[in-house]
């Protein structure tokens, strides 16, 4: 059914590339001589409240029905003036209630603009200016302004008078604002941010959107990073980092800020990330597989990761253990043990660790045996008494520590036994000499030689 002639505005300019919805409504009203918001409201959104346009912030409304007819414009053109395509790329609901939460902290509350960009025959405001991550205009190399240069008033997205490029308080042209140039670093960063925003805000020609999550995981593994490392460096929970890598992330706690920080950490752009081609397994599509097949594939994939992580730990010269492997993979040991092959691999890791510990202990013991033997030889060469305390002092280790090793313990016990035997021999020789002397003395005195008389003299 053709729209009624009086429902269509006489002049209907087309939305410009990256133009905001509020900018397009201002240009549409200005072109058709509509003086204020109160006159525009019944024409484009008759079912809304009278003041609903004042709070419009370029979010996609539930319906463009009346605006489509009045402006003789397609829905695709109008959706491109909102954050619709950015939200779709992250597989989020596009309604106006959830978008502000997802983009929290990244949207400006009032208009920001480049004065030089507005010095054209038909100026308009663009969507990238709405994002705080964009500090300046990459085309003109200047910082964006968020107030009028003359009266310092903030500029709402839709002014009451519906005048483009005009301050609603003092009436001065925004294009005449004072320009502050950016330094080289700011300009370079602004170019990258602008390209990212243009890509995210533009419609895609792909018949099916590609998920960011599996591509984040792919690039993280390509750069030989662990999810725990990134979570620590970005000061986020490990659970959040792992959720970002899922095909369908946890929508409750994940924000645009998390994706931005993750992509910056990987030193990528959103366009590079989105255009990364993955295999079906890496993409996360397993609908055609049975549960048993999905389990086998997941088990094989995790087994390869366990082997790779274990190899990296050993290359770094660290002690291999189940705890370190599971921590590097970002999974708990109990989760890994749900897979038989992984459980066998973890048991093998424990066995290898025990073998390595045993070899290390044996080598340590052999080194200590050599040190103890050298200490005994040195003490004997110097004519000193060989004791456990003297040996431990020369080795540089407490006697209790030496007793932990069977071979060194045996040597020290042998030293103690030899010292006891020598002491017994010396004691016997001394007593024998004293007994002989006592017998002679008793005989000289003419006294009877008995055990008791000998014992008294000794």
Protein backbone atom coordinates (compact mmCIF):
# COMPACT_ATOMS: atom_id res chain seq x y z
CA UNK A 1 0.00 0.00 0.00
CA UNK A 2 1.44 3.37 -1.04
CA UNK A 3 1.79 5.97 1.75
CA UNK A 4 -0.51 8.95 1.73
CA UNK A 5 0.98 12.01 0.03
CA UNK A 6 0.67 14.14 3.16
CA UNK A 7 2.55 11.54 5.26
CA UNK A 8 5.74 12.09 3.24
CA UNK A 9 7.86 15.17 3.90
CA UNK A 10 8.49 17.24 0.75
CA UNK A 11 12.29 17.10 1.14
CA UNK A 12 14.00 13.95 2.34
CA UNK A 13 17.81 14.02 2.27
CA UNK A 14 19.65 10.70 2.51
CA UNK A 15 21.65 9.75 5.64
CA UNK A 16 25.37 10.33 5.10
CA UNK A 17 28.06 7.67 5.82
CA UNK A 18 28.54 7.23 9.59
CA UNK A 19 25.97 9.97 10.32
CA UNK A 20 24.19 9.75 13.67
CA UNK A 21 20.43 9.35 13.85
CA UNK A 22 20.03 12.61 15.80
CA UNK A 23 22.12 14.43 13.17
CA UNK A 24 19.94 13.04 10.37
CA UNK A 25 16.73 14.05 12.19
CA UNK A 26 18.14 17.57 12.63
CA UNK A 27 19.01 17.84 8.93
CA UNK A 28 15.62 16.38 7.95
CA UNK A 29 13.77 18.92 10.10
CA UNK A 30 15.94 21.83 8.94
CA UNK A 31 15.47 20.92 5.26
CA UNK A 32 11.68 20.82 5.65
CA UNK A 33 11.39 23.99 7.74
CA UNK A 34 10.33 22.21 10.92
CA UNK A 35 11.26 24.72 13.65
CA UNK A 36 11.43 22.59 16.83
CA UNK A 37 11.20 19.17 18.39
CA UNK A 38 7.53 19.58 19.31
CA UNK A 39 6.62 19.90 15.62
CA UNK A 40 8.90 17.04 14.55
CA UNK A 41 7.72 14.52 17.15
CA UNK A 42 4.17 13.87 15.76
CA UNK A 43 5.54 13.40 12.25
CA UNK A 44 8.22 10.76 12.84
CA UNK A 45 7.19 9.12 16.12
CA UNK A 46 3.49 9.86 16.71
CA UNK A 47 3.06 7.02 19.20
CA UNK A 48 5.73 8.31 21.58
CA UNK A 49 5.52 10.87 24.35
CA UNK A 50 6.04 14.50 23.44
CA UNK A 51 9.46 14.79 25.09
CA UNK A 52 10.87 11.40 24.03
CA UNK A 53 13.00 12.96 21.27
CA UNK A 54 14.89 15.13 23.76
CA UNK A 55 16.53 12.08 25.33
CA UNK A 56 17.36 10.31 22.07
CA UNK A 57 20.98 9.16 22.01
CA UNK A 58 21.36 7.44 18.62
CA UNK A 59 20.08 4.08 19.88
CA UNK A 60 18.04 2.02 17.42
CA UNK A 61 14.32 2.38 18.30
CA UNK A 62 11.90 -0.51 18.31
CA UNK A 63 10.35 0.67 15.08
CA UNK A 64 11.09 3.21 12.32
CA UNK A 65 7.61 2.90 10.80
CA UNK A 66 6.53 6.55 10.72
CA UNK A 67 10.03 7.85 10.05
CA UNK A 68 10.43 5.44 7.13
CA UNK A 69 7.33 6.89 5.51
CA UNK A 70 7.99 10.55 6.37
CA UNK A 71 11.60 10.52 5.16
CA UNK A 72 11.01 8.00 2.34
CA UNK A 73 14.04 6.14 3.66
CA UNK A 74 14.91 2.45 4.00
CA UNK A 75 15.26 0.73 7.34
CA UNK A 76 18.83 -0.33 6.45
CA UNK A 77 19.83 3.31 5.94
CA UNK A 78 18.35 4.31 9.30
CA UNK A 79 19.90 1.37 11.19
CA UNK A 80 23.30 2.50 9.91
CA UNK A 81 22.81 5.77 11.82
CA UNK A 82 22.69 3.90 15.16
CA UNK A 83 24.91 1.47 17.09
CA UNK A 84 22.93 -1.44 15.61
CA UNK A 85 25.74 -3.02 13.55
CA UNK A 86 28.31 -2.73 16.35
CA UNK A 87 25.95 -4.47 18.76
CA UNK A 88 25.17 -7.21 16.24
CA UNK A 89 28.86 -7.97 15.71
CA UNK A 90 29.08 -8.82 19.41
CA UNK A 91 25.87 -10.89 19.21
CA UNK A 92 24.05 -8.73 21.75
CA UNK A 93 20.40 -7.67 21.87
CA UNK A 94 19.95 -4.47 19.86
CA UNK A 95 17.17 -2.99 21.98
CA UNK A 96 17.77 0.37 23.61
CA UNK A 97 17.67 -1.02 27.17
CA UNK A 98 20.75 -3.29 26.94
CA UNK A 99 22.98 -1.25 24.59
CA UNK A 100 23.90 1.47 27.15
CA UNK A 101 24.93 -1.22 29.65
CA UNK A 102 27.18 -2.98 27.10
CA UNK A 103 28.78 0.31 25.99
CA UNK A 104 28.98 1.70 29.53
CA UNK A 105 31.77 4.26 29.90
CA UNK A 106 32.43 4.55 26.14
CA UNK A 107 29.62 6.88 24.99
CA UNK A 108 29.72 10.63 25.54
CA UNK A 109 26.67 12.17 27.27
CA UNK A 110 26.70 15.21 24.95
CA UNK A 111 27.82 16.03 21.43
CA UNK A 112 31.50 16.03 20.49
CA UNK A 113 32.61 17.43 17.17
CA UNK A 114 35.49 18.46 14.92
CA UNK A 115 35.10 22.15 13.89
CA UNK A 116 37.01 21.56 10.64
CA UNK A 117 34.74 18.67 9.62
CA UNK A 118 31.71 20.97 10.01
CA UNK A 119 33.17 23.58 7.62
CA UNK A 120 31.42 21.99 4.65
CA UNK A 121 28.41 22.90 2.55
CA UNK A 122 26.24 20.30 4.30
CA UNK A 123 27.69 19.50 7.73
CA UNK A 124 26.58 16.56 9.87
CA UNK A 125 27.65 14.70 13.01
CA UNK A 126 29.14 11.18 12.86
CA UNK A 127 28.86 8.13 15.11
CA UNK A 128 32.60 7.69 15.89
CA UNK A 129 32.54 11.10 17.65
CA UNK A 130 30.20 9.53 20.21
CA UNK A 131 32.94 7.22 21.57
CA UNK A 132 35.30 8.42 24.29
CA UNK A 133 38.04 6.12 22.96
CA UNK A 134 38.39 8.48 19.96
CA UNK A 135 40.24 11.56 21.22
CA UNK A 136 40.47 13.51 17.98
CA UNK A 137 39.76 13.74 14.27
CA UNK A 138 42.27 11.68 12.26
CA UNK A 139 41.44 13.60 9.07
CA UNK A 140 42.38 17.03 10.43
CA UNK A 141 44.73 15.99 13.28
CA UNK A 142 42.92 17.99 15.97
CA UNK A 143 41.21 17.13 19.26
CA UNK A 144 37.42 16.83 19.34
CA UNK A 145 35.53 19.55 21.20
CA UNK A 146 32.74 18.79 23.68
CA UNK A 147 31.59 22.38 24.33
CA UNK A 148 30.95 25.59 22.48
CA UNK A 149 34.20 27.56 22.13
CA UNK A 150 32.41 30.85 22.84
CA UNK A 151 30.02 30.21 25.75
CA UNK A 152 31.40 26.83 26.98
CA UNK A 153 27.93 25.30 26.82
CA UNK A 154 27.50 21.58 26.30
CA UNK A 155 25.75 20.67 23.05
CA UNK A 156 22.82 18.21 23.26
CA UNK A 157 22.38 15.67 20.47
CA UNK A 158 19.04 17.21 19.52
CA UNK A 159 18.71 20.94 20.13
CA UNK A 160 15.30 22.52 20.68
CA UNK A 161 15.69 24.70 17.59
CA UNK A 162 16.86 21.77 15.44
CA UNK A 163 19.70 23.76 13.87
CA UNK A 164 22.77 21.97 12.57
CA UNK A 165 26.21 23.37 13.42
CA UNK A 166 24.83 25.89 15.90
CA UNK A 167 25.20 26.35 19.66
CA UNK A 168 21.71 26.35 21.23
CA UNK A 169 22.76 28.91 23.87
CA UNK A 170 24.72 31.61 22.03
CA UNK A 171 23.84 30.78 18.43
CA UNK A 172 27.48 30.73 17.25
CA UNK A 173 28.58 28.25 14.59
CA UNK A 174 30.34 25.20 15.98
CA UNK A 175 32.56 25.13 12.89
CA UNK A 176 34.19 28.36 14.10
CA UNK A 177 35.50 26.67 17.26
CA UNK A 178 39.15 26.86 18.28
CA UNK A 179 41.19 23.88 17.10
CA UNK A 180 43.82 22.14 19.25
CA UNK A 181 46.24 19.95 17.25
CA UNK A 182 47.15 16.44 18.44
CA UNK A 183 50.71 15.22 18.91
CA UNK A 184 52.08 12.37 16.78
CA UNK A 185 51.14 9.63 19.25
CA UNK A 186 47.58 10.95 19.68
CA UNK A 187 47.13 11.25 15.94
CA UNK A 188 48.38 7.72 15.29
CA UNK A 189 46.12 6.32 17.99
CA UNK A 190 43.15 8.33 16.67
CA UNK A 191 43.63 6.84 13.19
CA UNK A 192 43.58 3.30 14.56
CA UNK A 193 40.58 3.97 16.80
CA UNK A 194 38.69 5.61 13.96
CA UNK A 195 39.28 2.64 11.63
CA UNK A 196 38.11 0.25 14.34
CA UNK A 197 34.96 2.26 15.00
CA UNK A 198 34.11 2.63 11.31
CA UNK A 199 34.48 -1.13 10.88
CA UNK A 200 32.34 -1.94 13.93
CA UNK A 201 29.62 0.56 13.03
CA UNK A 202 29.43 -0.46 9.36
CA UNK A 203 27.13 -3.21 8.05
CA UNK A 204 28.85 -6.44 7.06
CA UNK A 205 28.42 -8.21 3.75
CA UNK A 206 28.84 -11.60 5.43
CA UNK A 207 25.68 -13.75 5.31
CA UNK A 208 26.49 -14.90 8.85
CA UNK A 209 28.23 -12.94 11.55
CA UNK A 210 31.51 -14.31 12.87
CA UNK A 211 31.99 -14.57 16.61
CA UNK A 212 34.84 -12.64 18.21
CA UNK A 213 35.35 -15.17 21.01
CA UNK A 214 36.96 -18.07 19.09
CA UNK A 215 39.15 -15.58 17.21
CA UNK A 216 40.42 -14.10 20.46
CA UNK A 217 41.31 -17.61 21.62
CA UNK A 218 43.03 -18.36 18.29
CA UNK A 219 45.23 -15.25 18.41
CA UNK A 220 46.04 -15.76 22.08
CA UNK A 221 47.31 -19.26 21.37
CA UNK A 222 49.12 -18.04 18.23
CA UNK A 223 51.02 -15.55 20.39
CA UNK A 224 51.79 -18.34 22.92
CA UNK A 225 49.90 -16.64 25.74
CA UNK A 226 47.77 -18.21 28.45
CA UNK A 227 44.36 -16.99 29.52
CA UNK A 228 45.68 -16.57 33.08
CA UNK A 229 48.51 -14.33 31.87
CA UNK A 230 46.10 -12.05 30.02
CA UNK A 231 43.65 -12.02 32.93
CA UNK A 232 46.43 -11.00 35.31
CA UNK A 233 47.81 -8.29 33.02
CA UNK A 234 44.35 -6.86 32.30
CA UNK A 235 43.34 -7.10 35.98
CA UNK A 236 40.24 -9.15 35.22
CA UNK A 237 39.04 -12.51 36.50
CA UNK A 238 40.20 -15.65 34.71
CA UNK A 239 36.54 -16.59 34.35
CA UNK A 240 35.94 -13.33 32.45
CA UNK A 241 38.89 -13.91 30.12
CA UNK A 242 37.69 -17.43 29.31
CA UNK A 243 34.13 -16.17 28.77
CA UNK A 244 35.40 -13.63 26.21
CA UNK A 245 36.82 -16.51 24.18
CA UNK A 246 33.58 -18.44 24.00
CA UNK A 247 31.44 -18.39 20.88
CA UNK A 248 28.50 -17.20 23.01
CA UNK A 249 29.97 -15.36 26.02
CA UNK A 250 28.33 -14.72 29.35
CA UNK A 251 26.30 -11.65 28.44
CA UNK A 252 25.72 -10.53 32.01
CA UNK A 253 29.25 -9.48 32.96
CA UNK A 254 30.98 -8.93 29.59
CA UNK A 255 31.20 -5.34 28.35
CA UNK A 256 32.61 -3.66 25.26
CA UNK A 257 35.47 -2.43 27.44
CA UNK A 258 36.62 -6.05 27.99
CA UNK A 259 36.79 -6.72 24.25
CA UNK A 260 38.62 -3.45 23.61
CA UNK A 261 41.25 -4.16 26.28
CA UNK A 262 41.71 -7.75 25.04
CA UNK A 263 42.17 -6.67 21.40
CA UNK A 264 44.62 -3.93 22.41
CA UNK A 265 46.59 -6.46 24.48
CA UNK A 266 46.91 -8.75 21.44
CA UNK A 267 48.02 -5.71 19.35
CA UNK A 268 45.27 -6.31 16.78
CA UNK A 269 42.45 -4.33 15.21
CA UNK A 270 38.81 -5.40 15.29
CA UNK A 271 38.85 -5.74 11.51
CA UNK A 272 41.88 -8.07 11.60
CA UNK A 273 40.21 -10.10 14.32
CA UNK A 274 36.86 -10.33 12.53
CA UNK A 275 38.44 -11.31 9.18
CA UNK A 276 40.46 -14.17 10.70
CA UNK A 277 39.38 -17.41 9.02
CA UNK A 278 39.06 -20.37 11.39
CA UNK A 279 38.41 -24.05 10.83
CA UNK A 280 34.97 -25.38 11.82
CA UNK A 281 36.45 -26.87 15.00
CA UNK A 282 38.15 -23.58 15.93
CA UNK A 283 34.93 -21.71 15.13
CA UNK A 284 33.02 -23.84 17.61
CA UNK A 285 30.33 -25.30 15.37
CA UNK A 286 29.66 -28.93 16.37
CA UNK A 287 25.94 -29.24 15.72
CA UNK A 288 26.48 -32.05 13.20
CA UNK A 289 28.44 -34.18 15.67
CA UNK A 290 27.03 -36.63 18.18
CA UNK A 291 27.74 -36.06 21.88
CA UNK A 292 30.31 -38.89 21.82
CA UNK A 293 32.09 -37.34 18.82
CA UNK A 294 32.12 -33.92 20.43
CA UNK A 295 33.55 -35.48 23.60
CA UNK A 296 36.32 -37.24 21.63
CA UNK A 297 37.24 -34.06 19.74
CA UNK A 298 37.30 -32.00 22.88
CA UNK A 299 39.38 -34.66 24.63
CA UNK A 300 41.91 -34.78 21.77
CA UNK A 301 42.11 -30.99 21.66
CA UNK A 302 42.70 -30.72 25.40
CA UNK A 303 45.25 -33.55 25.28
CA UNK A 304 47.27 -31.65 22.68
CA UNK A 305 47.11 -28.56 24.86
CA UNK A 306 48.28 -30.53 27.91
CA UNK A 307 51.25 -31.90 25.98
CA UNK A 308 52.14 -28.46 24.62
CA UNK A 309 51.88 -26.78 28.03
CA UNK A 310 53.91 -29.53 29.68
CA UNK A 311 56.61 -29.13 27.03
CA UNK A 312 56.75 -25.37 27.57
CA UNK A 313 57.09 -25.83 31.34
CA UNK A 314 59.96 -28.25 30.87
CA UNK A 315 61.69 -25.96 28.36
CA UNK A 316 61.62 -23.16 30.91
CA UNK A 317 63.41 -25.47 33.36
CA UNK A 318 60.54 -25.47 35.85
CA UNK A 319 59.36 -28.44 37.86
CA UNK A 320 56.53 -30.24 36.04
CA UNK A 321 53.35 -30.88 38.01
CA UNK A 322 49.62 -31.35 37.51
CA UNK A 323 48.94 -28.04 39.26
CA UNK A 324 51.16 -26.04 36.89
CA UNK A 325 49.69 -27.69 33.78
CA UNK A 326 46.07 -27.13 34.82
CA UNK A 327 46.84 -23.56 35.91
CA UNK A 328 48.49 -22.74 32.57
CA UNK A 329 45.46 -24.12 30.71
CA UNK A 330 43.05 -22.12 32.85
CA UNK A 331 41.21 -25.26 33.98
CA UNK A 332 40.91 -27.05 37.29
CA UNK A 333 42.42 -30.52 37.64
CA UNK A 334 39.01 -31.99 38.45
CA UNK A 335 37.72 -30.78 35.05
CA UNK A 336 40.66 -32.32 33.20
CA UNK A 337 40.20 -35.64 34.98
CA UNK A 338 36.74 -35.97 33.46
CA UNK A 339 38.50 -37.14 30.29
CA UNK A 340 40.17 -40.61 30.52
CA UNK A 341 43.06 -39.72 28.20
CA UNK A 342 43.74 -36.52 30.09
CA UNK A 343 43.62 -38.36 33.41
CA UNK A 344 46.19 -40.83 32.07
CA UNK A 345 48.34 -37.92 30.85
CA UNK A 346 48.17 -36.27 34.28
CA UNK A 347 49.14 -39.55 35.97
CA UNK A 348 52.07 -39.82 33.57
CA UNK A 349 53.07 -36.25 34.44
CA UNK A 350 53.04 -37.15 38.16
CA UNK A 351 55.10 -40.27 37.44
CA UNK A 352 57.63 -38.28 35.43
CA UNK A 353 57.83 -35.68 38.17
CA UNK A 354 58.50 -38.38 40.78
CA UNK A 355 61.17 -39.92 38.56
CA UNK A 356 62.78 -36.52 38.06
CA UNK A 357 62.65 -35.85 41.81
CA UNK A 358 64.23 -39.26 42.47
CA UNK A 359 67.06 -38.62 40.00
CA UNK A 360 67.60 -35.19 41.48
CA UNK A 361 67.72 -36.67 45.00
CA UNK A 362 70.16 -39.37 43.92
CA UNK A 363 72.43 -36.84 42.27
CA UNK A 364 72.27 -34.63 45.34
CA UNK A 365 73.08 -37.61 47.56
CA UNK A 366 76.07 -38.57 45.40
CA UNK A 367 77.41 -35.02 45.55
CA UNK A 368 77.11 -35.02 49.35
CA UNK A 369 78.87 -38.42 49.60
CA UNK A 370 81.82 -37.00 47.68
CA UNK A 371 81.89 -33.91 49.90
CA UNK A 372 81.75 -36.01 53.09
CA UNK A 373 84.56 -38.29 51.91
CA UNK A 374 86.69 -35.27 51.02
CA UNK A 375 86.02 -33.76 54.45
CA UNK A 376 87.09 -37.00 56.20
CA UNK A 377 90.26 -37.16 54.12
CA UNK A 378 91.13 -33.55 54.93
CA UNK A 379 90.57 -34.06 58.68
CA UNK A 380 92.80 -37.13 58.72
CA UNK A 381 95.50 -35.40 56.68
CA UNK A 382 95.52 -32.51 59.15
CA UNK A 383 95.70 -34.91 62.10
CA UNK A 384 92.35 -33.74 63.45
CA UNK A 385 89.68 -35.88 65.02
CA UNK A 386 87.07 -37.11 62.55
CA UNK A 387 83.65 -36.39 64.04
CA UNK A 388 80.14 -35.84 62.66
CA UNK A 389 80.20 -32.19 63.73
CA UNK A 390 83.56 -31.56 62.07
CA UNK A 391 82.36 -33.21 58.84
CA UNK A 392 79.08 -31.23 58.73
CA UNK A 393 81.01 -27.99 59.29
CA UNK A 394 83.31 -28.65 56.36
CA UNK A 395 80.43 -29.76 54.08
CA UNK A 396 78.35 -26.73 55.04
CA UNK A 397 75.26 -28.69 55.99
CA UNK A 398 73.72 -29.59 59.34
CA UNK A 399 74.09 -33.13 60.58
CA UNK A 400 70.30 -33.59 60.45
CA UNK A 401 70.35 -32.70 56.75
CA UNK A 402 73.10 -35.24 56.05
CA UNK A 403 71.12 -37.91 57.93
CA UNK A 404 68.25 -37.51 55.41
CA UNK A 405 70.29 -39.28 52.76
CA UNK A 406 70.93 -43.01 53.36
CA UNK A 407 74.51 -43.07 52.02
CA UNK A 408 75.76 -40.05 53.97
CA UNK A 409 73.92 -41.31 57.03
CA UNK A 410 75.75 -44.65 56.75
CA UNK A 411 79.13 -42.87 56.51
CA UNK A 412 78.42 -40.70 59.55
CA UNK A 413 77.23 -43.71 61.55
CA UNK A 414 80.42 -45.56 60.60
CA UNK A 415 82.48 -42.58 61.78
CA UNK A 416 80.60 -42.63 65.09
CA UNK A 417 81.17 -46.37 65.51
CA UNK A 418 84.90 -46.01 64.80
CA UNK A 419 85.15 -43.22 67.37
CA UNK A 420 83.35 -45.40 69.96
CA UNK A 421 85.70 -48.34 69.29
CA UNK A 422 88.76 -46.11 69.61
CA UNK A 423 87.40 -44.71 72.86
CA UNK A 424 86.85 -48.23 74.24
CA UNK A 425 90.38 -49.30 73.27
CA UNK A 426 91.95 -46.22 74.88
CA UNK A 427 89.83 -46.70 78.01
CA UNK A 428 90.88 -50.38 78.29
CA UNK A 429 94.56 -49.53 77.83
CA UNK A 430 94.39 -46.78 80.45
CA UNK A 431 92.62 -49.00 82.98
CA UNK A 432 95.08 -51.87 82.38
CA UNK A 433 98.03 -49.60 83.07
CA UNK A 434 96.40 -48.29 86.26
CA UNK A 435 95.67 -51.86 87.45
CA UNK A 436 99.30 -52.95 86.93
CA UNK A 437 100.54 -49.89 88.83
CA UNK A 438 98.09 -50.59 91.68
CA UNK A 439 99.21 -54.25 91.97
CA UNK A 440 102.88 -53.25 92.18
CA UNK A 441 102.12 -50.61 94.78
CA UNK A 442 100.15 -53.10 96.93
CA UNK A 443 102.97 -55.60 96.74
CA UNK A 444 105.53 -52.97 97.78
CA UNK A 445 103.35 -52.04 100.77
CA UNK A 446 102.91 -55.70 101.68
CA UNK A 447 99.16 -55.51 101.46
CA UNK A 448 96.94 -58.20 100.00
CA UNK A 449 96.19 -57.87 96.29
CA UNK A 450 92.41 -58.14 95.89
CA UNK A 451 89.77 -56.63 93.60
CA UNK A 452 88.57 -54.27 96.27
CA UNK A 453 92.08 -53.02 97.18
CA UNK A 454 92.96 -52.51 93.50
CA UNK A 455 89.67 -50.69 92.87
CA UNK A 456 90.28 -48.37 95.83
CA UNK A 457 93.73 -47.39 94.54
CA UNK A 458 92.41 -46.74 91.00
